[in-house]
Protein backbone atom coordinates (compact mmCIF):
# COMPACT_ATOMS: atom_id res chain seq x y z
CA UNK A 1 6.39 -5.40 13.51
CA UNK A 2 5.17 -8.47 13.76
CA UNK A 3 1.90 -7.40 11.54
CA UNK A 4 3.66 -4.72 9.49
CA UNK A 5 6.30 -6.83 8.21
CA UNK A 6 3.49 -9.57 6.78
CA UNK A 7 1.35 -6.42 5.47
CA UNK A 8 4.31 -4.87 3.88
CA UNK A 9 5.05 -7.87 1.78
CA UNK A 10 1.43 -8.35 1.00
CA UNK A 11 0.80 -4.23 -0.14
CA UNK A 12 3.94 -4.52 -2.28
CA UNK A 13 3.64 -7.49 -4.37
CA UNK A 14 -0.55 -6.95 -4.67
CA UNK A 15 0.02 -3.49 -5.96
CA UNK A 16 2.74 -4.74 -8.23
CA UNK A 17 0.50 -7.42 -9.65
CA UNK A 18 -2.72 -5.13 -9.80
CA UNK A 19 -0.76 -2.22 -11.66
CA UNK A 20 0.89 -4.75 -14.04
CA UNK A 21 -0.74 -6.58 -17.01
CA UNK A 22 -0.12 -9.04 -19.67
CA UNK A 23 3.66 -9.94 -20.13
CA UNK A 24 5.16 -7.01 -17.84
CA UNK A 25 3.57 -8.70 -14.78
CA UNK A 26 6.07 -11.10 -13.97
CA UNK A 27 8.85 -8.72 -14.39
CA UNK A 28 7.03 -6.00 -12.53
CA UNK A 29 6.52 -8.19 -9.69
CA UNK A 30 10.04 -9.59 -9.41
CA UNK A 31 11.57 -6.06 -9.22
CA UNK A 32 9.28 -5.47 -6.42
CA UNK A 33 10.15 -7.86 -4.43
CA UNK A 34 13.81 -6.90 -5.09
CA UNK A 35 13.31 -3.46 -4.18
CA UNK A 36 11.28 -4.66 -0.79
CA UNK A 37 13.86 -7.06 0.08
CA UNK A 38 17.02 -4.77 -0.18
CA UNK A 39 15.06 -1.98 1.88
CA UNK A 40 13.96 -4.28 4.58
CA UNK A 41 17.93 -5.68 4.81
CA UNK A 42 18.74 -1.97 4.79
CA UNK A 43 15.99 -1.50 7.73
CA UNK A 44 17.66 -4.67 9.48
CA UNK A 45 21.04 -2.84 9.46
CA UNK A 46 19.82 0.62 10.77
CA UNK A 47 18.04 -1.24 13.57
CA UNK A 48 21.22 -3.41 14.49
CA UNK A 49 23.30 -0.07 14.60
CA UNK A 50 20.41 2.11 16.32
CA UNK A 51 19.88 -0.52 18.94
CA UNK A 52 23.31 0.13 20.23
CA UNK A 53 22.79 3.78 20.11
CA UNK A 54 19.57 3.69 21.80
CA UNK A 55 16.88 1.37 23.65
CA UNK A 56 14.02 2.89 21.35
CA UNK A 57 16.38 1.85 18.51
CA UNK A 58 16.35 5.57 17.51
CA UNK A 59 18.95 6.19 15.08
CA UNK A 60 18.67 10.17 13.67
CA UNK A 61 18.47 13.59 15.40
CA UNK A 62 15.82 13.92 13.10
CA UNK A 63 14.16 10.27 13.83
CA UNK A 64 13.90 11.48 17.57
CA UNK A 65 11.58 13.78 17.29
CA UNK A 66 9.16 11.89 15.29
CA UNK A 67 9.47 9.10 17.90
CA UNK A 68 9.06 11.86 21.13
CA UNK A 69 6.32 13.55 19.26
CA UNK A 70 4.77 10.04 18.81
CA UNK A 71 5.03 9.21 22.24
CA UNK A 72 3.41 12.72 23.46
CA UNK A 73 0.29 11.96 21.55
CA UNK A 74 -0.30 8.01 22.13
CA UNK A 75 -2.65 8.90 25.10
CA UNK A 76 -5.27 11.30 23.28
CA UNK A 77 -3.85 11.70 19.78
CA UNK A 78 -6.87 14.15 18.80
CA UNK A 79 -6.73 16.20 22.32
CA UNK A 80 -3.13 15.74 23.29
CA UNK A 81 -0.41 18.62 22.41
CA UNK A 82 3.03 18.38 21.75
CA UNK A 83 5.96 18.87 24.17
CA UNK A 84 7.88 22.37 24.20
CA UNK A 85 10.21 22.18 21.02
CA UNK A 86 8.10 20.09 18.80
CA UNK A 87 5.89 22.13 17.77
CA UNK A 88 6.73 22.29 14.48
CA UNK A 89 5.60 19.06 13.76
CA UNK A 90 2.11 19.76 14.39
CA UNK A 91 -0.40 18.94 11.36
CA UNK A 92 2.97 16.93 10.22
CA UNK A 93 0.92 14.22 7.96
CA UNK A 94 3.68 11.58 8.77
CA UNK A 95 3.42 12.15 12.24
CA UNK A 96 0.03 11.08 11.59
CA UNK A 97 0.98 7.90 10.08
CA UNK A 98 3.18 7.08 13.09
CA UNK A 99 0.71 7.77 15.67
CA UNK A 100 -2.41 5.87 14.52
CA UNK A 101 0.08 3.00 13.50
CA UNK A 102 1.05 2.96 17.63
CA UNK A 103 -2.41 3.32 18.30
CA UNK A 104 -3.47 -0.03 16.06
CA UNK A 105 -0.19 -1.72 17.16
CA UNK A 106 -1.06 -1.73 21.04
CA UNK A 107 -0.39 1.97 21.94
CA UNK A 108 3.39 1.45 21.89
CA UNK A 109 5.89 3.51 19.39
CA UNK A 110 7.92 0.94 17.83
CA UNK A 111 10.73 2.38 15.30
CA UNK A 112 11.39 -0.47 13.35
CA UNK A 113 7.79 -0.90 12.60
CA UNK A 114 7.93 2.76 10.78
CA UNK A 115 11.10 1.75 9.29
CA UNK A 116 9.28 -1.27 7.82
CA UNK A 117 6.31 0.83 6.89
CA UNK A 118 8.78 3.53 5.04
CA UNK A 119 10.54 0.54 3.36
CA UNK A 120 7.06 -0.11 1.58
CA UNK A 121 6.82 3.03 0.95
CA UNK A 122 9.83 3.41 -0.92
CA UNK A 123 9.31 0.08 -2.76
CA UNK A 124 6.14 1.40 -4.05
CA UNK A 125 8.01 4.14 -5.64
CA UNK A 126 10.25 1.71 -7.60
CA UNK A 127 7.01 -0.31 -9.07
CA UNK A 128 5.44 3.61 -10.06
CA UNK A 129 8.34 4.80 -11.32
CA UNK A 130 9.01 1.47 -13.35
CA UNK A 131 5.53 1.37 -15.06
CA UNK A 132 5.70 5.10 -15.44
CA UNK A 133 9.15 4.42 -17.81
CA UNK A 134 7.11 1.23 -19.38
CA UNK A 135 4.41 3.52 -20.92
CA UNK A 136 6.56 6.59 -21.98
CA UNK A 137 9.72 4.63 -23.43
CA UNK A 138 9.20 0.69 -22.98
CA UNK A 139 9.94 -2.62 -21.48
CA UNK A 140 13.96 -2.13 -21.30
CA UNK A 141 13.74 1.36 -19.89
CA UNK A 142 11.29 0.47 -17.36
CA UNK A 143 13.45 -2.68 -16.26
CA UNK A 144 16.74 -0.46 -15.88
CA UNK A 145 14.77 2.10 -13.99
CA UNK A 146 12.95 -0.48 -11.73
CA UNK A 147 16.74 -2.30 -10.77
CA UNK A 148 18.22 1.63 -10.45
CA UNK A 149 16.04 2.74 -8.09
CA UNK A 150 16.05 -0.56 -6.08
CA UNK A 151 19.41 -0.14 -5.61
CA UNK A 152 19.93 3.98 -5.33
CA UNK A 153 21.97 4.14 -2.23
CA UNK A 154 20.36 7.20 -0.95
CA UNK A 155 16.65 6.11 -1.50
CA UNK A 156 17.47 2.76 0.26
CA UNK A 157 18.85 4.48 3.36
CA UNK A 158 16.19 7.04 3.13
CA UNK A 159 13.62 4.21 3.22
CA UNK A 160 15.35 2.31 6.22
CA UNK A 161 14.59 5.48 8.49
CA UNK A 162 11.76 6.68 10.19
CA UNK A 163 11.67 10.20 8.33
CA UNK A 164 8.72 11.98 6.22
CA UNK A 165 10.96 12.12 3.08
CA UNK A 166 9.95 8.57 1.98
CA UNK A 167 6.21 9.81 2.19
CA UNK A 168 7.01 13.11 0.14
CA UNK A 169 8.55 11.03 -2.63
CA UNK A 170 5.88 8.74 -2.61
CA UNK A 171 3.49 11.16 -2.89
CA UNK A 172 4.84 12.92 -5.72
CA UNK A 173 5.09 9.72 -7.63
CA UNK A 174 1.60 8.51 -6.90
CA UNK A 175 0.38 12.17 -8.51
CA UNK A 176 2.58 12.03 -11.34
CA UNK A 177 1.59 8.29 -12.67
CA UNK A 178 -1.72 9.35 -11.89
CA UNK A 179 -1.64 11.93 -14.47
CA UNK A 180 -0.17 9.71 -17.00
CA UNK A 181 -3.37 7.43 -16.59
CA UNK A 182 -5.86 9.97 -16.11
CA UNK A 183 -8.02 8.99 -19.29
CA UNK A 184 -8.03 5.43 -17.75
CA UNK A 185 -8.94 6.35 -13.88
CA UNK A 186 -11.67 8.62 -14.87
CA UNK A 187 -12.04 12.27 -13.64
CA UNK A 188 -13.62 11.22 -10.28
CA UNK A 189 -10.67 8.79 -9.32
CA UNK A 190 -7.53 11.42 -10.44
CA UNK A 191 -8.85 14.61 -9.02
CA UNK A 192 -9.33 12.55 -5.72
CA UNK A 193 -6.04 11.00 -5.64
CA UNK A 194 -4.77 14.68 -6.61
CA UNK A 195 -6.63 16.24 -3.91
CA UNK A 196 -5.39 13.83 -1.26
CA UNK A 197 -1.95 13.84 -2.19
CA UNK A 198 -2.11 17.67 -1.93
CA UNK A 199 -2.93 17.43 1.80
CA UNK A 200 -0.25 15.00 2.43
CA UNK A 201 2.20 16.85 0.39
CA UNK A 202 1.18 20.29 2.25
CA UNK A 203 1.35 18.99 5.74
CA UNK A 204 4.86 17.54 5.03
CA UNK A 205 6.14 20.43 3.30
CA UNK A 206 4.46 23.15 2.31
CA UNK A 207 6.74 23.87 -0.77
CA UNK A 208 6.59 20.48 -2.08
CA UNK A 209 2.51 20.92 -1.59
CA UNK A 210 2.52 24.35 -3.85
CA UNK A 211 5.27 22.44 -6.67
CA UNK A 212 2.98 19.76 -6.46
CA UNK A 213 -0.37 22.10 -7.37
CA UNK A 214 1.96 24.43 -9.77
CA UNK A 215 2.44 21.21 -11.77
CA UNK A 216 -0.91 19.46 -11.93
CA UNK A 217 -2.07 23.55 -12.83
CA UNK A 218 0.20 23.55 -15.94
CA UNK A 219 -0.46 20.18 -17.20
CA UNK A 220 -4.37 20.46 -16.83
CA UNK A 221 -4.00 24.03 -18.94
CA UNK A 222 -1.16 22.73 -21.44
CA UNK A 223 -3.86 21.10 -23.75
CA UNK A 224 -5.60 24.92 -23.97
CA UNK A 225 -2.42 26.74 -23.84
CA UNK A 226 -1.24 24.93 -26.97
CA UNK A 227 -3.89 25.57 -29.18
CA UNK A 228 -3.94 29.52 -28.14
CA UNK A 229 -2.55 32.28 -30.34
CA UNK A 230 0.97 33.76 -29.26
CA UNK A 231 -0.36 37.13 -28.69
CA UNK A 232 -3.43 35.80 -26.44
CA UNK A 233 -0.51 34.08 -24.23
CA UNK A 234 1.68 37.16 -24.32
CA UNK A 235 -1.74 39.02 -22.56
CA UNK A 236 -2.66 36.29 -20.66
CA UNK A 237 0.97 36.03 -19.08
CA UNK A 238 1.16 40.04 -18.86
CA UNK A 239 -2.18 39.86 -17.01
CA UNK A 240 -1.11 37.12 -14.69
CA UNK A 241 2.32 39.34 -13.96
CA UNK A 242 0.17 42.13 -13.01
CA UNK A 243 -2.26 40.28 -10.61
CA UNK A 244 0.66 38.77 -8.81
CA UNK A 245 2.09 42.07 -8.63
CA UNK A 246 -1.41 43.35 -6.86
CA UNK A 247 -1.80 40.26 -5.28
CA UNK A 248 1.72 40.62 -3.21
CA UNK A 249 0.29 44.58 -2.12
CA UNK A 250 -2.52 43.29 -0.84
CA UNK A 251 -1.44 40.57 0.81
CA UNK A 252 1.89 41.65 1.80
CA UNK A 253 0.93 40.79 5.74
CA UNK A 254 0.67 37.06 4.59
CA UNK A 255 3.64 37.08 2.46
CA UNK A 256 5.53 37.90 5.39
CA UNK A 257 3.91 35.46 7.45
CA UNK A 258 5.20 33.05 5.00
CA UNK A 259 8.70 34.57 4.69
CA UNK A 260 9.00 34.30 8.63
CA UNK A 261 7.45 30.65 8.09
CA UNK A 262 10.28 29.85 6.00
CA UNK A 263 12.48 31.29 8.41
CA UNK A 264 11.33 29.38 11.46
CA UNK A 265 11.31 25.86 9.22
CA UNK A 266 14.88 26.72 8.62
CA UNK A 267 15.99 26.91 12.24
CA UNK A 268 14.16 24.48 13.51
CA UNK A 269 15.50 21.71 10.64
CA UNK A 270 18.98 22.92 11.62
CA UNK A 271 18.87 22.71 15.42
CA UNK A 272 17.24 19.33 14.73
CA UNK A 273 20.24 18.00 12.69
CA UNK A 274 22.26 19.53 15.39
CA UNK A 275 20.49 17.64 18.22
CA UNK A 276 19.53 20.36 20.19
CA UNK A 277 15.99 20.30 19.42
CA UNK A 278 14.46 18.57 22.29
CA UNK A 279 15.18 17.10 25.44
CA UNK A 280 13.55 15.43 28.28
CA UNK A 281 14.92 17.53 31.12
CA UNK A 282 13.66 21.01 29.96
CA UNK A 283 11.68 22.44 32.87
CA UNK A 284 7.92 23.35 31.69
CA UNK A 285 7.56 27.27 31.53
CA UNK A 286 4.43 28.53 30.20
CA UNK A 287 3.69 32.08 31.37
CA UNK A 288 5.93 33.97 29.38
CA UNK A 289 7.16 34.37 25.24
CA UNK A 290 10.54 33.32 25.68
CA UNK A 291 10.79 29.69 27.51
CA UNK A 292 12.48 26.45 26.62
CA UNK A 293 11.76 25.22 23.12
CA UNK A 294 10.71 28.20 21.70
CA UNK A 295 12.12 29.51 18.18
CA UNK A 296 13.78 33.04 18.92
CA UNK A 297 15.88 35.54 17.23
CA UNK A 298 18.90 37.66 17.96
CA UNK A 299 18.95 40.72 15.61
CA UNK A 300 22.24 42.07 14.86
CA UNK A 301 22.32 45.72 15.19
CA UNK A 302 24.55 46.90 12.72
CA UNK A 303 23.21 45.00 9.69
CA UNK A 304 19.63 44.04 10.68
CA UNK A 305 19.67 40.39 10.43
CA UNK A 306 18.24 38.00 12.03
CA UNK A 307 20.36 34.90 13.77
CA UNK A 308 17.92 32.27 14.69
CA UNK A 309 18.22 29.79 17.30
CA UNK A 310 15.83 27.53 20.05
CA UNK A 311 15.92 28.36 23.83
CA UNK A 312 17.83 25.26 25.49
CA UNK A 313 17.03 27.03 29.35
CA UNK A 314 17.01 29.64 31.54
CA UNK A 315 19.63 30.06 33.82
CA UNK A 316 17.63 32.63 35.46
CA UNK A 317 14.72 35.23 34.90
CA UNK A 318 17.17 37.50 32.78
CA UNK A 319 19.05 35.17 30.81
CA UNK A 320 18.31 32.53 28.14
CA UNK A 321 20.53 30.01 26.66
CA UNK A 322 20.45 29.76 23.19
CA UNK A 323 21.30 27.28 20.63
CA UNK A 324 21.81 29.28 17.27
CA UNK A 325 21.57 27.63 13.59
CA UNK A 326 25.52 28.86 13.63
CA UNK A 327 26.05 26.21 15.35
CA UNK A 328 26.81 28.52 18.83
CA UNK A 329 25.16 28.27 21.91
CA UNK A 330 25.43 31.44 23.75
CA UNK A 331 23.72 32.79 27.28
CA UNK A 332 21.92 36.21 25.87
CA UNK A 333 20.16 38.65 27.93
CA UNK A 334 16.36 37.89 27.41
CA UNK A 335 15.38 41.65 26.31
CA UNK A 336 17.77 41.18 23.31
CA UNK A 337 15.38 38.13 22.01
CA UNK A 338 12.07 38.13 20.14
CA UNK A 339 9.96 35.20 19.14
CA UNK A 340 11.20 33.97 15.65
CA UNK A 341 7.65 35.01 14.03
CA UNK A 342 8.03 38.71 15.51
CA UNK A 343 11.46 39.81 14.21
CA UNK A 344 11.82 41.93 11.72
CA UNK A 345 13.31 40.02 8.43
CA UNK A 346 15.39 42.29 6.01
CA UNK A 347 14.52 41.15 2.46
CA UNK A 348 18.29 40.63 1.25
CA UNK A 349 18.55 38.04 3.89
CA UNK A 350 16.20 35.61 2.48
CA UNK A 351 18.36 35.60 -0.55
CA UNK A 352 21.57 35.54 1.40
CA UNK A 353 22.37 32.11 1.26
CA UNK A 354 21.40 31.34 -2.29
CA UNK A 355 24.58 31.46 -3.52
CA UNK A 356 26.42 29.46 -1.19
CA UNK A 357 23.64 26.79 -1.08
CA UNK A 358 23.65 26.80 -4.80
CA UNK A 359 27.28 25.15 -4.69
CA UNK A 360 26.07 22.87 -1.78
CA UNK A 361 23.19 21.78 -4.00
CA UNK A 362 25.01 21.38 -7.17
CA UNK A 363 28.84 20.03 -5.41
CA UNK A 364 27.78 18.48 -2.53
CA UNK A 365 29.86 20.99 -0.68
CA UNK A 366 29.31 21.69 3.36
CA UNK A 367 28.47 24.94 4.22
CA UNK A 368 28.27 24.13 8.07
CA UNK A 369 31.44 23.05 10.19
CA UNK A 370 31.20 19.14 9.40
CA UNK A 371 33.72 18.49 6.70
CA UNK A 372 32.95 17.69 3.24
CA UNK A 373 32.41 14.29 2.46
CA UNK A 374 33.83 12.54 -1.20
CA UNK A 375 30.60 10.64 -0.82
CA UNK A 376 27.84 13.78 -0.67
CA UNK A 377 30.32 15.32 -3.48
CA UNK A 378 29.74 12.28 -5.49
CA UNK A 379 26.10 11.93 -4.82
CA UNK A 380 25.39 15.26 -5.83
CA UNK A 381 27.38 15.25 -8.90
CA UNK A 382 25.92 11.89 -10.28
CA UNK A 383 22.36 13.89 -9.47
CA UNK A 384 24.00 16.65 -11.72
CA UNK A 385 24.09 14.15 -14.67
CA UNK A 386 20.92 12.44 -14.07
CA UNK A 387 18.97 15.65 -14.65
CA UNK A 388 21.61 16.47 -18.27
CA UNK A 389 20.71 13.05 -19.62
CA UNK A 390 17.33 14.11 -18.20
CA UNK A 391 16.56 16.84 -20.20
CA UNK A 392 18.50 16.08 -23.27
CA UNK A 393 15.97 12.79 -23.84
CA UNK A 394 13.00 14.89 -23.62
CA UNK A 395 14.53 17.37 -26.04
CA UNK A 396 15.63 14.74 -28.27
CA UNK A 397 12.49 12.86 -28.26
CA UNK A 398 10.25 15.57 -28.54
CA UNK A 399 8.41 14.41 -25.35
CA UNK A 400 4.91 16.16 -25.14
CA UNK A 401 4.98 18.97 -22.76
CA UNK A 402 2.42 17.49 -20.57
CA UNK A 403 4.55 14.26 -19.81
CA UNK A 404 7.30 16.74 -18.60
CA UNK A 405 6.22 19.61 -16.81
CA UNK A 406 4.80 18.44 -13.62
CA UNK A 407 8.28 16.54 -12.76
CA UNK A 408 10.01 20.14 -14.24
CA UNK A 409 7.75 21.44 -11.27
CA UNK A 410 9.08 19.26 -8.87
CA UNK A 411 12.55 19.26 -9.67
CA UNK A 412 12.52 23.25 -9.82
CA UNK A 413 10.62 24.00 -6.57
CA UNK A 414 12.69 21.18 -4.48
CA UNK A 415 15.55 23.10 -5.66
CA UNK A 416 14.48 26.43 -5.28
CA UNK A 417 13.46 25.59 -1.60
CA UNK A 418 17.10 24.11 -0.74
CA UNK A 419 18.54 27.17 -2.07
CA UNK A 420 17.08 29.35 0.80
CA UNK A 421 17.39 26.88 3.68
CA UNK A 422 21.08 26.78 4.84
CA UNK A 423 22.01 23.10 5.79
CA UNK A 424 24.16 20.10 5.20
CA UNK A 425 24.72 18.00 2.37
CA UNK A 426 22.86 14.94 3.79
CA UNK A 427 19.86 16.94 4.47
CA UNK A 428 19.85 18.65 0.96
CA UNK A 429 19.93 14.90 -0.69
CA UNK A 430 17.06 13.69 1.64
CA UNK A 431 14.83 15.90 -0.13
CA UNK A 432 16.63 15.97 -3.60
CA UNK A 433 16.86 12.10 -3.75
CA UNK A 434 13.50 11.07 -2.47
CA UNK A 435 11.63 13.52 -4.30
CA UNK A 436 13.44 14.02 -7.72
CA UNK A 437 15.28 11.17 -8.91
CA UNK A 438 12.34 8.56 -9.40
CA UNK A 439 11.06 11.22 -11.83
CA UNK A 440 14.66 12.05 -13.56
CA UNK A 441 15.86 8.40 -13.49
CA UNK A 442 12.49 7.61 -15.36
CA UNK A 443 13.46 10.24 -18.44
CA UNK A 444 16.76 9.10 -18.28
CA UNK A 445 16.27 5.71 -19.06
CA UNK A 446 15.86 4.93 -22.26
CA UNK A 447 19.61 7.00 -23.09
CA UNK A 448 20.74 5.20 -19.90
CA UNK A 449 19.38 1.61 -21.53
CA UNK A 450 20.97 2.38 -25.02
CA UNK A 451 24.43 3.03 -23.08
CA UNK A 452 23.76 -0.16 -21.21
CA UNK A 453 22.68 -2.47 -24.45
CA UNK A 454 25.79 -0.79 -26.36
CA UNK A 455 28.39 -1.67 -23.56
CA UNK A 456 27.21 -5.29 -23.50
CA UNK A 457 27.17 -5.78 -27.13
CA UNK A 458 30.92 -4.36 -27.38
CA UNK A 459 32.30 -7.28 -25.51
CA UNK A 460 30.98 -9.98 -27.39
CA UNK A 461 32.71 -8.23 -30.80
CA UNK A 462 35.42 -10.21 -32.27
CA UNK A 463 37.75 -9.55 -35.15
CA UNK A 464 36.26 -10.53 -38.52
CA UNK A 465 37.37 -13.88 -39.79
CA UNK A 466 38.88 -14.58 -43.23
CA UNK A 467 36.54 -16.59 -45.57
CA UNK A 468 39.06 -17.86 -47.72
CA UNK A 469 40.23 -21.19 -47.91
CA UNK A 470 43.56 -22.31 -45.88
CA UNK A 471 45.26 -23.18 -48.83
CA UNK A 472 44.76 -19.73 -50.48
CA UNK A 473 45.65 -17.64 -47.58
CA UNK A 474 49.16 -19.76 -47.37
CA UNK A 475 49.82 -19.16 -51.01
CA UNK A 476 48.88 -15.32 -50.67
CA UNK A 477 51.46 -15.35 -47.28
CA UNK A 478 54.17 -17.19 -49.52
CA UNK A 479 53.68 -14.71 -52.54
CA UNK A 480 53.98 -11.58 -49.67
CA UNK A 481 57.26 -12.81 -48.07
CA UNK A 482 58.92 -14.22 -52.07
CA UNK A 483 58.51 -10.30 -52.77
CA UNK A 484 60.48 -8.91 -50.13
């Protein structure tokens, strides 16, 4: 912690100073310092709350998973294995960050150190987004973007936790900023940054890596596509569709594996949120497929749909106690369970949650037993409005497609992933806020800046004073009274 704090301050201010130039430097550095101060204050508040909850200063169930996995890897980061129940974190980029920070810090996992590093990443997101807004729309839009992102409640909150979301959002903004300055940076640095961003994002969330890859591909192809004739584009699109269909047939097994991987991540994420993914007192059972900590599926004999869950313990050899994603805990005969990756998934089940999750995503409504919170509703509605404003600015200002294709892929990829993952509105906001809000706010900033300026100057408007002499005014008033 004593090393992380000064390192964080120097890094954030140094990056802001290095990337800004000329008259913008003082403003950008000031916003960077403000954003970091807000996040460090939030880190202190969260740490104080967490200190009362647990001696390790771990606050959220998701934080506990990363903390326990980090502790398990400290002895031998490259050769150790994760405890049962935390297998889904294997190869996670953020787990690599927490592990090596702990190694460099003397072999001790410190939750506050992780939070301070996340505060730095969140502050750098503000800096890069502010610079992006200045490049596209000018200084006023850049300042509004920087101040708004510095104070955005959910961004500040997630920056003050030890979760992977802030690292994912930082990776998105870095790649987008790099694309905007590709000519200045040169192809070597541009490709290097994109490659590193893809490695990190795929390790964090495969869908995010896919969205980044799609955005970069469209950005690179756009200059060639806009010069092509319409019939050539139509032919190419048809060829792509046919190639995609042929690929789906040829690689059906790989697609089935990807579907099972998605369901697996849905399951462990939900059980993790419920705080039932990992406990210290689980017995170590290695000689059977159904054992504590393993994700399993229970197939409904009538519909064929699979209910996912994680085994908690084995009361006896023939039964298993399982925590399911519907929030129930049941004792189930072992012969009715299969490892989740070995279950048969009906295609319809993969789309069953799209409708309910769309309402949750756009309206902040809870699809779980947790009561619907006005806070999450407000946050979701603000995001909806921000999306509309961003689209409006892009259309009105006729921005080149090369500027908005990458953000479009990130927003669409995040939305599609969350529409297929049942969960609480808070979990959806972690993805949505960190990965899409900075981009949307950049594009909405000129319109918001114009409104702010109009409101500011409207407060100084006064009725127009008469320019006639007092005697002339008095005389006119007298004539009006005498005519009555």
